[in-house]
Structure formats: C-alpha cells, structure tokens
Amino acid sequence: MRYAERVDAQPDLPPPAAAPESLAPARPRPSVAERATALLEVILCSDYPTQIALGATFALLGFGPFDQAGQLRIGYVLVLQLLDSAILLALIATFLRAHGERPRDVLFGGRPVRVEAMAGFPLMFVAVALAVVVLGLIQQLAPWLHTVERNPLQDLIRSPRDAALFAVVAIVAGGVREELQRAFLLHRFERWLGGGGVGVVVTSAAFGFGHVLQGADAGIATGLLGAFWAVVYLRRRSVVAPVVSHSGFNLLQLGQFLIPGTGR
C-alpha cells in the first residue's frame, strides 16, 4: 500500500520529445507513373500545345493573325491570349483537383491577398531595375545579342484603343496567367520532377525562349525575370506578389512604347 502511494505521488512525467525533423518520415519517392503524369501536365500547361491548337482552330475558321496590309492584328492577339489564358487556368485547376490538391492552397498559400499585393508593388520596380541592368550589361559585353532593332509588339499599338486592349493582354495574359502557370509548374517540379531549383531553371529558360521574337537580349532578360518571379513565389508561396510585380512591369513597358523614341 505504501508503495502504491509513492507511485501515485510521483509528478506527471513530461511528454516524450518530438522526433527531430531529420528523423521524420520522408516523402515517398515518386514512382515512374507519377513522374510521367507530372511531365505530361507540365507539357500541356507550357502554353505551346494550347496556343498551337488555338492557332490551328482560328486558321480553319478563316481568322488569321495579319490584316490585308500584312500587319499583325491586335484583335487576333487579344482573342488568342485571353482564350489561351482561360483554357490554361482550367487545365491547372483540373490537374490540381485530380491529385486531391486545392488550387487555393497551391496558388495562394493561405496568405492575405492585400498583404501580398502590397509586397508585390515594390517588386515591380525591382523587376524594372533587373531588366535595365541585364540589358545594359548585354549591350556593353555582347551587343551582337541585340538581334531585333524594334520590338514587334510595339507595332500593335496604333491608337489609344489599341493601347487599352494591349493593357488588358499585359495584365491578364502576362501578369495573371503567366504567374499562375509558373506557380503550377514549380509545384509540379517540387513534388515529382527534381525539385524547386530544377523548376526555376527549366521554367525560366522556357519563359525566355518564348520571348526571343523580341530579340535574343530580350529573351535573356525575360528569362532572368522569370527566375526572379519564380523565387518570389517559392519564398512566399503565393502568386499575388509576382502577379502584381509582373503586371506592373508590363504596364510600365507599355507606357515606354507610348513615348516616342523610347521603345526598342
């Protein structure tokens, strides 16, 4: 009886210490099927398949990119980019839900949208500074990379109406779509295709290659900008700051086109 009393009188023992993170169970290694599925989703959401399919559809309907004078139609660009954005965002939502993932968790991470938007505003000027420095260094060290004398997108802006339409494209297709797309691709690389670092390199290279039409130097600068926005997403786990930064950068570039003598 005395022994029992002594046992009952002992103080409560503290709970066992949590196992170190290094001893926590690691995520299972992705299977070949999971990697193949993720790779297919990355390819489908890379913009190339959707834009090729839309371009072919428009051609069958007799809706071409050039007018009778041989100039690129801004209406064609607007319709193509907006439709492509809608299809791409639908694909991203479908693929995330197919894997039991919530698009809001992957794309916004539970962070307050207002706080993230405020964080993205100064990053707009960081992006501008990065582009200016990179293009300046290329001009000094490798001027032969300036392969396009005049940005072809500048020729789309012939009136205030064209500028307003192009601003819609710059925000919706440039800022919103490309950053949601980038976040999804980085998420797939993180989980199944080699990690976030690999994702930053691959997505940024593809992003830059897609802008080589504006010049090799512009492609390099754009690729580095893509890497910048990718790192911002990986650090903050929300697309809002990159969307604000990217959209603002595009609008500032559009404003540059509207000032005579300042566009590339």
C-alpha atoms as a PDB file:
ATOM      1  CA  MET A   1       0.000   0.000   0.000  1.00  0.00           C
ATOM      2  CA  ARG A   2       2.829   2.381   0.805  1.00  0.00           C
ATOM      3  CA  TYR A   3       4.457   1.530  -2.500  1.00  0.00           C
ATOM      4  CA  ALA A   4       1.246   2.377  -4.337  1.00  0.00           C
ATOM      5  CA  GLU A   5       1.016   5.706  -2.516  1.00  0.00           C
ATOM      6  CA  ARG A   6       4.558   6.582  -3.527  1.00  0.00           C
ATOM      7  CA  VAL A   7       3.802   5.771  -7.153  1.00  0.00           C
ATOM      8  CA  ASP A   8       0.639   7.894  -7.119  1.00  0.00           C
ATOM      9  CA  ALA A   9       2.527  10.790  -5.544  1.00  0.00           C
ATOM     10  CA  GLN A  10       5.103  10.977  -8.338  1.00  0.00           C
ATOM     11  CA  PRO A  11       4.764  14.108 -10.525  1.00  0.00           C
ATOM     12  CA  ASP A  12       3.454  13.737 -14.056  1.00  0.00           C
ATOM     13  CA  LEU A  13       6.228  12.948 -16.487  1.00  0.00           C
ATOM     14  CA  PRO A  14       6.681  15.362 -19.409  1.00  0.00           C
ATOM     15  CA  PRO A  15       5.523  14.107 -22.805  1.00  0.00           C
ATOM     16  CA  PRO A  16       8.204  12.476 -24.912  1.00  0.00           C
ATOM     17  CA  ALA A  17      10.212  14.929 -27.002  1.00  0.00           C
ATOM     18  CA  ALA A  18       9.232  15.227 -30.641  1.00  0.00           C
ATOM     19  CA  ALA A  19      11.483  13.442 -33.067  1.00  0.00           C
ATOM     20  CA  PRO A  20      13.917  15.688 -34.933  1.00  0.00           C
ATOM     21  CA  GLU A  21      12.883  16.665 -38.452  1.00  0.00           C
ATOM     22  CA  SER A  22      15.764  14.610 -39.795  1.00  0.00           C
ATOM     23  CA  LEU A  23      14.136  11.530 -38.276  1.00  0.00           C
ATOM     24  CA  ALA A  24      10.658  12.348 -39.572  1.00  0.00           C
ATOM     25  CA  PRO A  25       9.389  10.074 -42.332  1.00  0.00           C
ATOM     26  CA  ALA A  26      10.426  11.427 -45.727  1.00  0.00           C
ATOM     27  CA  ARG A  27       8.007  11.819 -48.601  1.00  0.00           C
ATOM     28  CA  PRO A  28       7.854   8.624 -50.653  1.00  0.00           C
ATOM     29  CA  ARG A  29       9.992   8.650 -53.768  1.00  0.00           C
ATOM     30  CA  PRO A  30       7.826   9.446 -56.815  1.00  0.00           C
ATOM     31  CA  SER A  31       7.004   6.476 -58.984  1.00  0.00           C
ATOM     32  CA  VAL A  32       7.669   6.389 -62.719  1.00  0.00           C
ATOM     33  CA  ALA A  33       3.933   6.767 -63.362  1.00  0.00           C
ATOM     34  CA  GLU A  34       3.741   9.848 -61.128  1.00  0.00           C
ATOM     35  CA  ARG A  35       6.727  11.445 -62.838  1.00  0.00           C
ATOM     36  CA  ALA A  36       5.318  10.692 -66.288  1.00  0.00           C
ATOM     37  CA  THR A  37       1.926  12.156 -65.326  1.00  0.00           C
ATOM     38  CA  ALA A  38       3.538  15.292 -63.895  1.00  0.00           C
ATOM     39  CA  LEU A  39       5.681  15.710 -67.012  1.00  0.00           C
ATOM     40  CA  LEU A  40       2.622  15.405 -69.255  1.00  0.00           C
ATOM     41  CA  GLU A  41       0.799  18.026 -67.182  1.00  0.00           C
ATOM     42  CA  VAL A  42       3.815  20.354 -67.404  1.00  0.00           C
ATOM     43  CA  ILE A  43       3.931  19.992 -71.193  1.00  0.00           C
ATOM     44  CA  LEU A  44       0.185  20.593 -71.576  1.00  0.00           C
ATOM     45  CA  CYS A  45       0.415  23.694 -69.366  1.00  0.00           C
ATOM     46  CA  SER A  46       3.527  25.074 -71.048  1.00  0.00           C
ATOM     47  CA  ASP A  47       1.437  27.278 -73.408  1.00  0.00           C
ATOM     48  CA  TYR A  48       2.823  25.732 -76.587  1.00  0.00           C
ATOM     49  CA  PRO A  49       0.154  22.981 -77.098  1.00  0.00           C
ATOM     50  CA  THR A  50      -2.771  25.275 -76.275  1.00  0.00           C
ATOM     51  CA  GLN A  51      -1.594  28.152 -78.450  1.00  0.00           C
ATOM     52  CA  ILE A  52      -0.799  25.840 -81.372  1.00  0.00           C
ATOM     53  CA  ALA A  53      -4.251  24.275 -81.094  1.00  0.00           C
ATOM     54  CA  LEU A  54      -5.954  27.677 -80.916  1.00  0.00           C
ATOM     55  CA  GLY A  55      -3.930  28.998 -83.859  1.00  0.00           C
ATOM     56  CA  ALA A  56      -4.904  25.979 -85.961  1.00  0.00           C
ATOM     57  CA  THR A  57      -8.564  26.410 -84.995  1.00  0.00           C
ATOM     58  CA  PHE A  58      -8.503  30.094 -85.925  1.00  0.00           C
ATOM     59  CA  ALA A  59      -6.913  29.244 -89.276  1.00  0.00           C
ATOM     60  CA  LEU A  60      -9.714  26.771 -90.043  1.00  0.00           C
ATOM     61  CA  LEU A  61     -12.255  29.485 -89.221  1.00  0.00           C
ATOM     62  CA  GLY A  62     -10.501  31.935 -91.531  1.00  0.00           C
ATOM     63  CA  PHE A  63      -9.319  34.163 -88.699  1.00  0.00           C
ATOM     64  CA  GLY A  64      -5.696  34.989 -89.474  1.00  0.00           C
ATOM     65  CA  PRO A  65      -3.125  36.948 -87.460  1.00  0.00           C
ATOM     66  CA  PHE A  66      -2.382  39.513 -90.212  1.00  0.00           C
ATOM     67  CA  ASP A  67      -4.562  42.073 -91.935  1.00  0.00           C
ATOM     68  CA  GLN A  68      -4.532  42.933 -95.657  1.00  0.00           C
ATOM     69  CA  ALA A  69      -1.581  45.274 -95.147  1.00  0.00           C
ATOM     70  CA  GLY A  70       0.440  42.445 -93.607  1.00  0.00           C
ATOM     71  CA  GLN A  71       0.327  43.901 -90.099  1.00  0.00           C
ATOM     72  CA  LEU A  72      -0.375  41.831 -87.017  1.00  0.00           C
ATOM     73  CA  ARG A  73      -3.950  42.262 -85.775  1.00  0.00           C
ATOM     74  CA  ILE A  74      -4.224  43.306 -82.129  1.00  0.00           C
ATOM     75  CA  GLY A  75      -7.697  41.716 -82.086  1.00  0.00           C
ATOM     76  CA  TYR A  76      -6.145  38.369 -83.017  1.00  0.00           C
ATOM     77  CA  VAL A  77      -3.556  38.690 -80.261  1.00  0.00           C
ATOM     78  CA  LEU A  78      -6.224  39.691 -77.725  1.00  0.00           C
ATOM     79  CA  VAL A  79      -8.574  36.801 -78.534  1.00  0.00           C
ATOM     80  CA  LEU A  80      -5.742  34.266 -78.697  1.00  0.00           C
ATOM     81  CA  GLN A  81      -4.214  35.330 -75.388  1.00  0.00           C
ATOM     82  CA  LEU A  82      -7.478  35.572 -73.464  1.00  0.00           C
ATOM     83  CA  LEU A  83      -8.780  32.220 -74.722  1.00  0.00           C
ATOM     84  CA  ASP A  84      -5.432  30.597 -74.049  1.00  0.00           C
ATOM     85  CA  SER A  85      -5.477  32.045 -70.517  1.00  0.00           C
ATOM     86  CA  ALA A  86      -8.948  30.628 -69.839  1.00  0.00           C
ATOM     87  CA  ILE A  87      -8.009  27.171 -71.161  1.00  0.00           C
ATOM     88  CA  LEU A  88      -4.725  27.115 -69.291  1.00  0.00           C
ATOM     89  CA  LEU A  89      -6.275  28.115 -65.953  1.00  0.00           C
ATOM     90  CA  ALA A  90      -8.982  25.484 -66.419  1.00  0.00           C
ATOM     91  CA  LEU A  91      -6.310  22.842 -67.065  1.00  0.00           C
ATOM     92  CA  ILE A  92      -4.357  23.885 -63.967  1.00  0.00           C
ATOM     93  CA  ALA A  93      -7.447  23.699 -61.749  1.00  0.00           C
ATOM     94  CA  THR A  94      -8.400  20.324 -63.239  1.00  0.00           C
ATOM     95  CA  PHE A  95      -4.952  18.793 -62.740  1.00  0.00           C
ATOM     96  CA  LEU A  96      -4.668  20.046 -59.159  1.00  0.00           C
ATOM     97  CA  ARG A  97      -8.074  18.694 -58.190  1.00  0.00           C
ATOM     98  CA  ALA A  98      -7.319  15.386 -59.924  1.00  0.00           C
ATOM     99  CA  HIS A  99      -4.457  14.927 -57.443  1.00  0.00           C
ATOM    100  CA  GLY A 100      -6.582  15.937 -54.459  1.00  0.00           C
ATOM    101  CA  GLU A 101      -4.930  19.361 -54.215  1.00  0.00           C
ATOM    102  CA  ARG A 102      -6.774  22.613 -53.582  1.00  0.00           C
ATOM    103  CA  PRO A 103      -5.905  25.318 -56.115  1.00  0.00           C
ATOM    104  CA  ARG A 104      -6.192  27.997 -53.428  1.00  0.00           C
ATOM    105  CA  ASP A 105      -3.629  26.234 -51.217  1.00  0.00           C
ATOM    106  CA  VAL A 106      -1.129  25.751 -54.042  1.00  0.00           C
ATOM    107  CA  LEU A 107      -1.532  29.170 -55.647  1.00  0.00           C
ATOM    108  CA  PHE A 108      -2.241  31.438 -52.677  1.00  0.00           C
ATOM    109  CA  GLY A 109      -0.959  29.503 -49.671  1.00  0.00           C
ATOM    110  CA  GLY A 110      -3.457  30.998 -47.240  1.00  0.00           C
ATOM    111  CA  ARG A 111      -1.697  34.387 -47.203  1.00  0.00           C
ATOM    112  CA  PRO A 112      -3.815  37.581 -47.081  1.00  0.00           C
ATOM    113  CA  VAL A 113      -4.233  38.860 -50.631  1.00  0.00           C
ATOM    114  CA  ARG A 114      -3.960  42.506 -49.598  1.00  0.00           C
ATOM    115  CA  VAL A 115      -0.668  41.971 -47.780  1.00  0.00           C
ATOM    116  CA  GLU A 116       0.762  40.072 -50.732  1.00  0.00           C
ATOM    117  CA  ALA A 117      -0.383  42.726 -53.185  1.00  0.00           C
ATOM    118  CA  MET A 118       1.363  45.406 -51.148  1.00  0.00           C
ATOM    119  CA  ALA A 119       4.503  43.271 -51.124  1.00  0.00           C
ATOM    120  CA  GLY A 120       4.349  42.940 -54.896  1.00  0.00           C
ATOM    121  CA  PHE A 121       4.257  46.665 -55.597  1.00  0.00           C
ATOM    122  CA  PRO A 122       7.933  47.423 -54.758  1.00  0.00           C
ATOM    123  CA  LEU A 123       8.942  44.202 -56.516  1.00  0.00           C
ATOM    124  CA  MET A 124       7.650  45.798 -59.724  1.00  0.00           C
ATOM    125  CA  PHE A 125      10.490  48.312 -59.538  1.00  0.00           C
ATOM    126  CA  VAL A 126      12.975  45.573 -58.637  1.00  0.00           C
ATOM    127  CA  ALA A 127      11.952  43.810 -61.862  1.00  0.00           C
ATOM    128  CA  VAL A 128      12.422  47.022 -63.864  1.00  0.00           C
ATOM    129  CA  ALA A 129      15.869  47.560 -62.339  1.00  0.00           C
ATOM    130  CA  LEU A 130      16.835  43.953 -63.076  1.00  0.00           C
ATOM    131  CA  ALA A 131      15.786  44.286 -66.735  1.00  0.00           C
ATOM    132  CA  VAL A 132      17.643  47.593 -67.144  1.00  0.00           C
ATOM    133  CA  VAL A 133      20.849  46.203 -65.612  1.00  0.00           C
ATOM    134  CA  VAL A 134      20.766  42.965 -67.639  1.00  0.00           C
ATOM    135  CA  LEU A 135      20.053  44.720 -70.944  1.00  0.00           C
ATOM    136  CA  GLY A 136      22.717  47.319 -70.178  1.00  0.00           C
ATOM    137  CA  LEU A 137      25.321  44.642 -69.469  1.00  0.00           C
ATOM    138  CA  ILE A 138      24.412  42.787 -72.657  1.00  0.00           C
ATOM    139  CA  GLN A 139      24.712  45.991 -74.655  1.00  0.00           C
ATOM    140  CA  GLN A 140      28.197  46.574 -73.249  1.00  0.00           C
ATOM    141  CA  LEU A 141      29.518  42.994 -73.235  1.00  0.00           C
ATOM    142  CA  ALA A 142      27.631  41.229 -76.033  1.00  0.00           C
ATOM    143  CA  PRO A 143      25.990  43.786 -78.358  1.00  0.00           C
ATOM    144  CA  TRP A 144      25.548  41.140 -81.079  1.00  0.00           C
ATOM    145  CA  LEU A 145      22.719  39.681 -78.977  1.00  0.00           C
ATOM    146  CA  HIS A 146      20.599  42.723 -79.843  1.00  0.00           C
ATOM    147  CA  THR A 147      19.071  40.897 -82.806  1.00  0.00           C
ATOM    148  CA  VAL A 148      15.843  42.922 -83.142  1.00  0.00           C
ATOM    149  CA  GLU A 149      16.044  46.673 -83.657  1.00  0.00           C
ATOM    150  CA  ARG A 150      12.389  47.374 -82.876  1.00  0.00           C
ATOM    151  CA  ASN A 151      10.144  45.353 -80.572  1.00  0.00           C
ATOM    152  CA  PRO A 152       7.451  43.862 -82.860  1.00  0.00           C
ATOM    153  CA  LEU A 153       4.832  44.227 -80.129  1.00  0.00           C
ATOM    154  CA  GLN A 154       5.251  47.979 -80.361  1.00  0.00           C
ATOM    155  CA  ASP A 155       3.760  47.898 -83.866  1.00  0.00           C
ATOM    156  CA  LEU A 156       0.473  46.623 -82.407  1.00  0.00           C
ATOM    157  CA  ILE A 157      -0.163  49.956 -80.704  1.00  0.00           C
ATOM    158  CA  ARG A 158      -1.523  52.370 -83.294  1.00  0.00           C
ATOM    159  CA  SER A 159      -4.195  54.187 -81.265  1.00  0.00           C
ATOM    160  CA  PRO A 160      -5.346  54.782 -77.658  1.00  0.00           C
ATOM    161  CA  ARG A 161      -7.851  51.948 -78.171  1.00  0.00           C
ATOM    162  CA  ASP A 162      -5.015  49.591 -79.121  1.00  0.00           C
ATOM    163  CA  ALA A 163      -3.087  50.669 -76.035  1.00  0.00           C
ATOM    164  CA  ALA A 164      -6.089  49.914 -73.817  1.00  0.00           C
ATOM    165  CA  LEU A 165      -6.567  46.483 -75.400  1.00  0.00           C
ATOM    166  CA  PHE A 166      -2.887  45.715 -75.081  1.00  0.00           C
ATOM    167  CA  ALA A 167      -3.007  46.728 -71.406  1.00  0.00           C
ATOM    168  CA  VAL A 168      -5.687  44.056 -70.876  1.00  0.00           C
ATOM    169  CA  VAL A 169      -3.434  41.476 -72.517  1.00  0.00           C
ATOM    170  CA  ALA A 170      -0.458  42.666 -70.462  1.00  0.00           C
ATOM    171  CA  ILE A 171      -2.327  42.172 -67.182  1.00  0.00           C
ATOM    172  CA  VAL A 172      -4.499  39.113 -67.851  1.00  0.00           C
ATOM    173  CA  ALA A 173      -2.254  37.069 -70.141  1.00  0.00           C
ATOM    174  CA  GLY A 174       1.056  38.464 -68.938  1.00  0.00           C
ATOM    175  CA  GLY A 175       0.729  39.062 -65.218  1.00  0.00           C
ATOM    176  CA  VAL A 176      -2.084  36.750 -64.123  1.00  0.00           C
ATOM    177  CA  ARG A 177      -1.842  33.779 -66.475  1.00  0.00           C
ATOM    178  CA  GLU A 178       1.937  33.507 -66.618  1.00  0.00           C
ATOM    179  CA  GLU A 179       2.367  33.695 -62.840  1.00  0.00           C
ATOM    180  CA  LEU A 180      -0.388  31.165 -62.122  1.00  0.00           C
ATOM    181  CA  GLN A 181       1.180  28.958 -64.768  1.00  0.00           C
ATOM    182  CA  ARG A 182       4.652  29.417 -63.264  1.00  0.00           C
ATOM    183  CA  ALA A 183       3.409  28.548 -59.769  1.00  0.00           C
ATOM    184  CA  PHE A 184       1.738  25.365 -61.009  1.00  0.00           C
ATOM    185  CA  LEU A 185       4.820  24.254 -62.949  1.00  0.00           C
ATOM    186  CA  LEU A 186       7.113  24.943 -59.984  1.00  0.00           C
ATOM    187  CA  HIS A 187       4.753  22.963 -57.744  1.00  0.00           C
ATOM    188  CA  ARG A 188       4.920  20.002 -60.107  1.00  0.00           C
ATOM    189  CA  PHE A 189       8.722  20.159 -60.258  1.00  0.00           C
ATOM    190  CA  GLU A 190       8.929  20.357 -56.465  1.00  0.00           C
ATOM    191  CA  ARG A 191       6.796  17.287 -55.927  1.00  0.00           C
ATOM    192  CA  TRP A 192       7.687  14.991 -58.795  1.00  0.00           C
ATOM    193  CA  LEU A 193      10.269  16.365 -61.219  1.00  0.00           C
ATOM    194  CA  GLY A 194      13.506  17.037 -59.385  1.00  0.00           C
ATOM    195  CA  GLY A 195      12.801  19.909 -57.013  1.00  0.00           C
ATOM    196  CA  GLY A 196      12.151  23.627 -56.985  1.00  0.00           C
ATOM    197  CA  GLY A 197      15.645  24.547 -58.196  1.00  0.00           C
ATOM    198  CA  VAL A 198      15.223  22.451 -61.317  1.00  0.00           C
ATOM    199  CA  GLY A 199      11.816  24.032 -61.814  1.00  0.00           C
ATOM    200  CA  VAL A 200      13.244  27.556 -61.627  1.00  0.00           C
ATOM    201  CA  VAL A 201      15.883  26.765 -64.269  1.00  0.00           C
ATOM    202  CA  VAL A 202      13.534  24.948 -66.671  1.00  0.00           C
ATOM    203  CA  THR A 203      10.585  27.345 -66.443  1.00  0.00           C
ATOM    204  CA  SER A 204      12.812  30.428 -66.711  1.00  0.00           C
ATOM    205  CA  ALA A 205      14.626  29.067 -69.767  1.00  0.00           C
ATOM    206  CA  ALA A 206      11.289  28.289 -71.439  1.00  0.00           C
ATOM    207  CA  PHE A 207       9.953  31.728 -70.481  1.00  0.00           C
ATOM    208  CA  GLY A 208      12.957  33.438 -72.026  1.00  0.00           C
ATOM    209  CA  PHE A 209      12.813  31.304 -75.172  1.00  0.00           C
ATOM    210  CA  GLY A 210       9.196  32.315 -75.671  1.00  0.00           C
ATOM    211  CA  HIS A 211      10.285  35.971 -75.908  1.00  0.00           C
ATOM    212  CA  VAL A 212      13.204  35.537 -78.326  1.00  0.00           C
ATOM    213  CA  LEU A 213      10.931  37.035 -81.009  1.00  0.00           C
ATOM    214  CA  GLN A 214      11.660  40.361 -79.310  1.00  0.00           C
ATOM    215  CA  GLY A 215      15.414  39.753 -79.612  1.00  0.00           C
ATOM    216  CA  ALA A 216      17.989  37.428 -78.089  1.00  0.00           C
ATOM    217  CA  ASP A 217      18.878  40.027 -75.472  1.00  0.00           C
ATOM    218  CA  ALA A 218      15.212  40.432 -74.554  1.00  0.00           C
ATOM    219  CA  GLY A 219      14.913  36.647 -74.269  1.00  0.00           C
ATOM    220  CA  ILE A 220      17.814  36.517 -71.795  1.00  0.00           C
ATOM    221  CA  ALA A 221      16.448  39.402 -69.739  1.00  0.00           C
ATOM    222  CA  THR A 222      12.972  37.871 -69.727  1.00  0.00           C
ATOM    223  CA  GLY A 223      14.344  34.501 -68.624  1.00  0.00           C
ATOM    224  CA  LEU A 224      16.090  36.138 -65.666  1.00  0.00           C
ATOM    225  CA  LEU A 225      12.898  37.999 -64.804  1.00  0.00           C
ATOM    226  CA  GLY A 226      11.087  34.670 -64.849  1.00  0.00           C
ATOM    227  CA  ALA A 227      13.654  33.284 -62.409  1.00  0.00           C
ATOM    228  CA  PHE A 228      13.131  36.317 -60.163  1.00  0.00           C
ATOM    229  CA  TRP A 229       9.350  35.862 -60.053  1.00  0.00           C
ATOM    230  CA  ALA A 230       9.784  32.112 -59.557  1.00  0.00           C
ATOM    231  CA  VAL A 231      11.962  32.660 -56.487  1.00  0.00           C
ATOM    232  CA  VAL A 232       9.441  35.162 -55.116  1.00  0.00           C
ATOM    233  CA  TYR A 233       6.688  32.540 -55.396  1.00  0.00           C
ATOM    234  CA  LEU A 234       8.786  29.805 -53.801  1.00  0.00           C
ATOM    235  CA  ARG A 235       9.663  32.061 -50.875  1.00  0.00           C
ATOM    236  CA  ARG A 236       6.177  33.470 -50.283  1.00  0.00           C
ATOM    237  CA  ARG A 237       4.038  30.536 -51.511  1.00  0.00           C
ATOM    238  CA  SER A 238       1.550  32.929 -53.065  1.00  0.00           C
ATOM    239  CA  VAL A 239       1.203  34.153 -56.631  1.00  0.00           C
ATOM    240  CA  VAL A 240      -0.224  37.540 -55.658  1.00  0.00           C
ATOM    241  CA  ALA A 241       3.094  39.386 -55.245  1.00  0.00           C
ATOM    242  CA  PRO A 242       4.519  38.003 -58.527  1.00  0.00           C
ATOM    243  CA  VAL A 243       1.254  38.837 -60.331  1.00  0.00           C
ATOM    244  CA  VAL A 244       1.346  42.449 -59.106  1.00  0.00           C
ATOM    245  CA  SER A 245       5.051  42.801 -59.912  1.00  0.00           C
ATOM    246  CA  HIS A 246       4.725  41.214 -63.365  1.00  0.00           C
ATOM    247  CA  SER A 247       1.579  43.148 -64.310  1.00  0.00           C
ATOM    248  CA  GLY A 248       3.101  46.430 -63.199  1.00  0.00           C
ATOM    249  CA  PHE A 249       6.284  45.697 -65.110  1.00  0.00           C
ATOM    250  CA  ASN A 250       4.283  45.002 -68.286  1.00  0.00           C
ATOM    251  CA  LEU A 251       2.289  48.215 -67.902  1.00  0.00           C
ATOM    252  CA  LEU A 252       5.452  50.248 -67.404  1.00  0.00           C
ATOM    253  CA  GLN A 253       6.880  48.661 -70.547  1.00  0.00           C
ATOM    254  CA  LEU A 254       3.667  49.516 -72.400  1.00  0.00           C
ATOM    255  CA  GLY A 255       3.996  53.105 -71.221  1.00  0.00           C
ATOM    256  CA  GLN A 256       7.523  53.146 -72.610  1.00  0.00           C
ATOM    257  CA  PHE A 257       6.177  52.083 -76.009  1.00  0.00           C
ATOM    258  CA  LEU A 258       3.738  55.015 -75.971  1.00  0.00           C
ATOM    259  CA  ILE A 259       6.536  57.557 -75.559  1.00  0.00           C
ATOM    260  CA  PRO A 260       8.078  58.333 -78.972  1.00  0.00           C
ATOM    261  CA  GLY A 261      11.700  57.367 -79.267  1.00  0.00           C
ATOM    262  CA  THR A 262      11.848  55.220 -76.119  1.00  0.00           C
ATOM    263  CA  GLY A 263      10.652  51.813 -77.362  1.00  0.00           C
ATOM    264  CA  ARG A 264      13.005  49.124 -78.577  1.00  0.00           C
END
